[in-house]
Amino acid sequence: MTYLIIRFMIELVGKIGSMALIDRDNNDIDYNKFARISRSLRPGIAWVTSGATEIGRLDYIKRSGAELSGDIDDAKADYASQGQSILMQSYRKFVDPKYSIRQVLVEHQHFNDETKRAHIKELLLRAAAQNAIPIINYNDAVSGEENRKVEIRNVREAKGYAYELVDNDETASQIACLVGAKTLLILTTLEGIYADVSDPKTLIREISGKTADEVIQKLDETKRVCVGASRAGANGAFAKLEYIKPCIKQGVRVIIASATYDIQDILDGSAPGTQILLRQ
């Protein structure tokens, strides 16, 4: 290696959900949100982004006047392949031009194979050392649903577990663990985790404990009140709290917050959110 790997070279792994990037009132990309997020990105951050499929769908409708018909899984793949370039173009437009950005498309098999995991880790660490920002997404365009299910089932039968990564919350969690990040930030359409999602006053500001087991027990208790998701096919807060457990075991601080706030304001606590961490 020609570069020095130190703990927290990737200080922050961030993730934003599809609907957090969409202007729902106008059924279009929320460029204000893209601009605010992109201007906060710098080397030492790995950014996991959803949105290719929904952005591709909206772009296709604009150009053709209608949605795709036929098989739903085929349509999702087609939308994803159309939206991926728009997604990257939108980040490139607003990220500081002195920084490189690098597209990293991952699939479940990359994280169920130790050699491929190691390759991705080195790729991400090199980006931090080379003044570049990795923009990561699941490669929906080439991963058919039925084939993916078979592959994941085979891995689970052989190893006793399998990483699916279809949900980018899991992708972000696995990447945060892989690179030894200090913080995992998950941006959503909500301000965090609620005891009652219909009551904004019930925002849970912190879930913490002295040990990972204590924090995970509290996560399981909190999961019982988590219902709903931002869109059809999304897994919502319940899944987020499950996916972040490996991060808690590894000592990564996790924050779940709204994409309407500046990243730095969320990290320093001046914007609302749910912080999940170990406290000595």
Protein backbone atom coordinates (compact mmCIF):
# COMPACT_ATOMS: atom_id res chain seq x y z
CA MET A 1 0.00 0.00 0.00
CA THR A 2 1.21 3.49 -0.81
CA TYR A 3 -1.16 5.22 1.59
CA LEU A 4 -1.57 5.15 5.33
CA ILE A 5 -4.77 3.59 6.66
CA ILE A 6 -5.76 5.09 9.99
CA ARG A 7 -8.93 4.59 11.98
CA PHE A 8 -11.66 6.99 10.91
CA MET A 9 -10.01 7.79 7.57
CA ILE A 10 -13.65 7.53 6.50
CA GLU A 11 -15.08 9.64 9.31
CA LEU A 12 -18.65 9.63 8.05
CA VAL A 13 -20.79 7.27 6.05
CA GLY A 14 -24.00 9.02 5.02
CA LYS A 15 -27.12 7.67 3.38
CA ILE A 16 -30.15 9.39 1.88
CA GLY A 17 -33.40 7.71 0.91
CA SER A 18 -35.13 8.01 -2.45
CA MET A 19 -38.09 10.09 -1.37
CA ALA A 20 -35.88 12.52 0.56
CA LEU A 21 -34.42 13.57 -2.82
CA ILE A 22 -37.77 14.17 -4.49
CA ASP A 23 -39.87 17.35 -4.56
CA ARG A 24 -43.23 15.66 -4.02
CA ASP A 25 -45.27 18.74 -4.85
CA ASN A 26 -43.79 18.97 -8.34
CA ASN A 27 -42.86 15.29 -8.92
CA ASP A 28 -39.29 16.25 -9.71
CA ILE A 29 -35.78 16.13 -8.30
CA ASP A 30 -35.33 18.40 -5.29
CA TYR A 31 -32.30 20.29 -6.54
CA ASN A 32 -32.16 22.46 -3.43
CA LYS A 33 -31.65 19.35 -1.36
CA PHE A 34 -29.05 17.98 -3.77
CA ALA A 35 -27.18 21.28 -3.59
CA ARG A 36 -27.22 21.46 0.22
CA ILE A 37 -26.04 17.89 0.66
CA SER A 38 -23.45 17.94 -2.12
CA ARG A 39 -21.79 21.10 -0.81
CA SER A 40 -21.24 19.32 2.51
CA LEU A 41 -19.48 16.33 0.92
CA ARG A 42 -15.71 16.09 1.06
CA PRO A 43 -12.98 13.42 1.12
CA GLY A 44 -13.35 11.31 4.26
CA ILE A 45 -17.08 10.91 3.62
CA ALA A 46 -18.59 7.91 1.83
CA TRP A 47 -22.07 8.71 0.54
CA VAL A 48 -24.71 6.04 -0.01
CA THR A 49 -27.55 7.32 -2.15
CA SER A 50 -30.86 5.85 -3.16
CA GLY A 51 -32.96 7.54 -5.80
CA ALA A 52 -31.90 6.10 -9.16
CA THR A 53 -35.11 4.15 -9.71
CA GLU A 54 -37.50 6.95 -8.71
CA ILE A 55 -35.52 9.62 -10.55
CA GLY A 56 -35.40 7.39 -13.63
CA ARG A 57 -39.16 6.84 -13.41
CA LEU A 58 -39.88 10.56 -13.22
CA ASP A 59 -37.48 11.27 -16.08
CA TYR A 60 -39.08 8.59 -18.26
CA ILE A 61 -42.56 9.99 -17.61
CA LYS A 62 -41.37 13.48 -18.57
CA ARG A 63 -40.00 12.20 -21.87
CA SER A 64 -42.71 9.72 -22.82
CA GLY A 65 -45.82 10.97 -21.04
CA ALA A 66 -46.52 7.66 -19.32
CA GLU A 67 -45.00 5.04 -17.05
CA LEU A 68 -43.54 1.80 -18.35
CA SER A 69 -45.94 -1.10 -18.66
CA GLY A 70 -45.26 -4.81 -18.28
CA ASP A 71 -43.26 -6.66 -15.63
CA ILE A 72 -42.71 -4.54 -12.50
CA ASP A 73 -39.19 -5.85 -11.86
CA ASP A 74 -38.18 -5.15 -15.46
CA ALA A 75 -39.56 -1.61 -15.14
CA LYS A 76 -37.58 -1.03 -11.93
CA ALA A 77 -34.38 -2.15 -13.64
CA ASP A 78 -35.10 0.08 -16.64
CA TYR A 79 -35.85 3.08 -14.44
CA ALA A 80 -32.71 2.47 -12.36
CA SER A 81 -30.49 2.34 -15.44
CA GLN A 82 -32.04 5.60 -16.67
CA GLY A 83 -31.85 7.35 -13.31
CA GLN A 84 -28.34 6.37 -12.27
CA SER A 85 -26.58 8.80 -14.62
CA ILE A 86 -28.95 11.62 -13.62
CA LEU A 87 -28.25 10.87 -9.97
CA MET A 88 -24.50 11.10 -10.44
CA GLN A 89 -24.78 14.18 -12.63
CA SER A 90 -26.80 15.92 -9.92
CA TYR A 91 -24.13 15.26 -7.28
CA ARG A 92 -21.32 16.31 -9.63
CA LYS A 93 -23.09 19.58 -10.37
CA PHE A 94 -22.94 20.72 -6.75
CA VAL A 95 -19.94 18.96 -5.15
CA ASP A 96 -16.92 21.28 -4.80
CA PRO A 97 -15.08 20.99 -8.16
CA LYS A 98 -11.73 20.50 -6.45
CA TYR A 99 -12.94 17.07 -5.29
CA SER A 100 -13.31 14.01 -7.49
CA ILE A 101 -16.44 11.91 -7.18
CA ARG A 102 -16.47 8.17 -7.86
CA GLN A 103 -19.48 6.02 -8.60
CA VAL A 104 -19.49 2.69 -6.73
CA LEU A 105 -22.32 0.28 -7.59
CA VAL A 106 -22.59 -2.69 -5.24
CA GLU A 107 -24.64 -5.88 -5.06
CA HIS A 108 -25.35 -8.45 -2.39
CA GLN A 109 -22.64 -10.86 -3.57
CA HIS A 110 -19.96 -8.23 -3.02
CA PHE A 111 -20.63 -8.28 0.72
CA ASN A 112 -21.11 -12.04 1.04
CA ASP A 113 -17.62 -12.70 -0.31
CA GLU A 114 -14.65 -11.76 1.88
CA THR A 115 -12.34 -11.08 -1.06
CA LYS A 116 -14.85 -8.69 -2.64
CA ARG A 117 -15.51 -7.01 0.71
CA ALA A 118 -11.80 -6.39 1.11
CA HIS A 119 -11.60 -4.97 -2.42
CA ILE A 120 -14.44 -2.52 -1.72
CA LYS A 121 -12.85 -1.48 1.57
CA GLU A 122 -9.54 -0.66 -0.12
CA LEU A 123 -11.36 1.19 -2.91
CA LEU A 124 -13.17 3.41 -0.40
CA LEU A 125 -10.07 4.08 1.68
CA ARG A 126 -8.08 5.00 -1.42
CA ALA A 127 -10.77 7.49 -2.37
CA ALA A 128 -10.34 9.28 0.96
CA ALA A 129 -6.58 9.40 0.45
CA GLN A 130 -6.92 10.59 -3.16
CA ASN A 131 -9.15 13.62 -2.58
CA ALA A 132 -12.22 11.78 -3.87
CA ILE A 133 -15.75 11.15 -2.61
CA PRO A 134 -17.33 7.74 -3.30
CA ILE A 135 -21.03 7.87 -4.21
CA ILE A 136 -22.47 4.41 -3.57
CA ASN A 137 -25.71 2.78 -4.66
CA TYR A 138 -27.12 -0.71 -5.03
CA ASN A 139 -26.91 -1.86 -8.65
CA ASP A 140 -30.64 -2.38 -9.22
CA ALA A 141 -30.33 -2.29 -12.99
CA VAL A 142 -28.54 -5.64 -13.22
CA SER A 143 -29.94 -7.51 -10.22
CA GLY A 144 -33.20 -9.29 -11.01
CA GLU A 145 -35.49 -9.99 -8.05
CA GLU A 146 -35.96 -13.73 -8.51
CA ASN A 147 -32.31 -14.42 -9.27
CA ARG A 148 -31.28 -12.31 -6.27
CA LYS A 149 -33.57 -14.27 -3.95
CA VAL A 150 -32.09 -17.57 -5.12
CA GLU A 151 -28.52 -16.33 -4.69
CA ILE A 152 -29.23 -14.97 -1.21
CA ARG A 153 -30.98 -18.18 -0.16
CA ASN A 154 -27.99 -20.22 -1.33
CA VAL A 155 -25.58 -18.03 0.62
CA ARG A 156 -27.74 -18.26 3.75
CA GLU A 157 -27.91 -22.04 3.50
CA ALA A 158 -24.14 -22.29 3.05
CA LYS A 159 -23.03 -19.74 5.66
CA GLY A 160 -25.97 -19.42 8.05
CA TYR A 161 -26.42 -15.74 7.22
CA ALA A 162 -26.49 -13.46 4.19
CA TYR A 163 -26.27 -9.74 3.51
CA GLU A 164 -29.06 -8.72 1.13
CA LEU A 165 -28.30 -4.99 0.65
CA VAL A 166 -31.45 -4.38 -1.40
CA ASP A 167 -32.25 -1.71 1.20
CA ASN A 168 -29.58 0.98 1.15
CA ASP A 169 -29.95 1.37 4.93
CA GLU A 170 -28.30 -2.03 5.18
CA THR A 171 -25.77 -1.08 2.51
CA ALA A 172 -24.77 2.03 4.47
CA SER A 173 -24.55 0.12 7.74
CA GLN A 174 -22.31 -2.54 6.23
CA ILE A 175 -20.05 0.07 4.64
CA ALA A 176 -19.76 1.99 7.93
CA CYS A 177 -18.63 -1.22 9.63
CA LEU A 178 -16.34 -2.16 6.75
CA VAL A 179 -14.34 1.08 6.78
CA GLY A 180 -14.45 1.67 10.56
CA ALA A 181 -16.38 4.92 10.26
CA LYS A 182 -16.89 7.12 13.30
CA THR A 183 -20.48 8.02 12.39
CA LEU A 184 -23.28 6.65 10.24
CA LEU A 185 -25.82 9.30 9.24
CA ILE A 186 -29.15 8.16 7.74
CA LEU A 187 -31.19 10.96 6.17
CA THR A 188 -34.94 10.47 5.70
CA THR A 189 -38.12 12.45 5.18
CA LEU A 190 -38.70 12.46 8.96
CA GLU A 191 -36.70 14.04 11.78
CA GLY A 192 -35.80 10.70 13.33
CA ILE A 193 -37.48 7.85 15.22
CA TYR A 194 -40.78 8.57 16.96
CA ALA A 195 -42.55 6.82 19.82
CA ASP A 196 -45.71 7.80 17.91
CA VAL A 197 -45.04 8.74 14.28
CA SER A 198 -48.30 10.73 14.17
CA ASP A 199 -47.10 12.99 17.00
CA PRO A 200 -43.99 15.14 16.26
CA LYS A 201 -43.56 15.77 19.98
CA THR A 202 -42.62 12.11 20.52
CA LEU A 203 -39.31 12.31 18.64
CA ILE A 204 -36.81 10.05 20.41
CA ARG A 205 -33.66 12.16 20.72
CA GLU A 206 -31.30 9.45 21.96
CA ILE A 207 -31.05 5.71 22.35
CA SER A 208 -27.94 4.87 24.31
CA GLY A 209 -26.38 2.51 26.82
CA LYS A 210 -23.10 1.53 28.42
CA THR A 211 -22.78 -1.65 26.36
CA ALA A 212 -23.74 -2.69 22.84
CA ASP A 213 -26.10 -5.31 24.27
CA GLU A 214 -27.93 -2.64 26.28
CA VAL A 215 -28.31 -0.40 23.23
CA ILE A 216 -29.53 -3.28 21.07
CA GLN A 217 -32.10 -4.24 23.69
CA LYS A 218 -33.40 -0.66 23.59
CA LEU A 219 -33.48 -0.78 19.79
CA ASP A 220 -35.65 -3.90 19.95
CA GLU A 221 -37.99 -2.17 22.39
CA THR A 222 -38.19 0.87 20.10
CA LYS A 223 -38.88 -1.28 17.03
CA ARG A 224 -42.22 -2.28 18.54
CA VAL A 225 -43.60 1.22 17.93
CA CYS A 226 -42.18 1.63 14.42
CA VAL A 227 -44.79 1.45 11.68
CA GLY A 228 -45.02 2.57 8.07
CA ALA A 229 -42.53 3.64 5.40
CA SER A 230 -41.98 6.59 3.05
CA ARG A 231 -42.99 4.68 -0.08
CA ALA A 232 -44.17 1.30 -1.31
CA GLY A 233 -41.32 -1.20 -1.11
CA ALA A 234 -39.41 0.72 1.55
CA ASN A 235 -38.84 -0.94 4.91
CA GLY A 236 -39.16 2.07 7.19
CA ALA A 237 -37.83 2.79 10.66
CA PHE A 238 -38.26 -0.80 11.87
CA ALA A 239 -35.72 -2.06 9.33
CA LYS A 240 -33.34 0.85 9.96
CA LEU A 241 -33.08 -0.07 13.63
CA GLU A 242 -32.37 -3.68 12.70
CA TYR A 243 -29.78 -2.89 10.04
CA ILE A 244 -27.73 -0.61 12.32
CA LYS A 245 -27.11 -3.28 14.98
CA PRO A 246 -23.71 -4.28 13.51
CA CYS A 247 -22.67 -0.62 13.73
CA ILE A 248 -23.58 -0.45 17.41
CA LYS A 249 -21.59 -3.61 18.09
CA GLN A 250 -18.60 -1.97 16.40
CA GLY A 251 -18.94 1.32 18.30
CA VAL A 252 -20.16 3.43 15.38
CA ARG A 253 -22.38 6.37 16.34
CA VAL A 254 -25.62 6.35 14.35
CA ILE A 255 -27.82 9.37 13.66
CA ILE A 256 -31.20 9.25 11.92
CA ALA A 257 -32.44 12.69 10.87
CA SER A 258 -34.25 14.71 8.22
CA ALA A 259 -32.64 15.59 4.91
CA THR A 260 -34.04 19.12 5.25
CA TYR A 261 -31.22 20.06 7.66
CA ASP A 262 -27.55 20.75 6.98
CA ILE A 263 -25.31 17.76 7.64
CA GLN A 264 -23.03 19.66 10.01
CA ASP A 265 -25.99 20.94 12.04
CA ILE A 266 -27.18 17.36 12.45
CA LEU A 267 -23.75 16.09 13.45
CA ASP A 268 -23.17 18.77 16.07
CA GLY A 269 -26.66 18.39 17.53
CA SER A 270 -28.08 21.79 16.59
CA ALA A 271 -30.67 20.13 14.33
CA PRO A 272 -33.15 17.52 15.61
CA GLY A 273 -32.57 13.82 15.10
CA THR A 274 -32.29 10.46 16.82
CA GLN A 275 -28.79 9.63 18.03
CA ILE A 276 -27.92 6.00 18.82
CA LEU A 277 -24.63 5.32 20.55
CA LEU A 278 -22.60 3.86 23.37
CA ARG A 279 -22.02 6.11 26.38
CA GLN A 280 -19.41 5.19 28.95
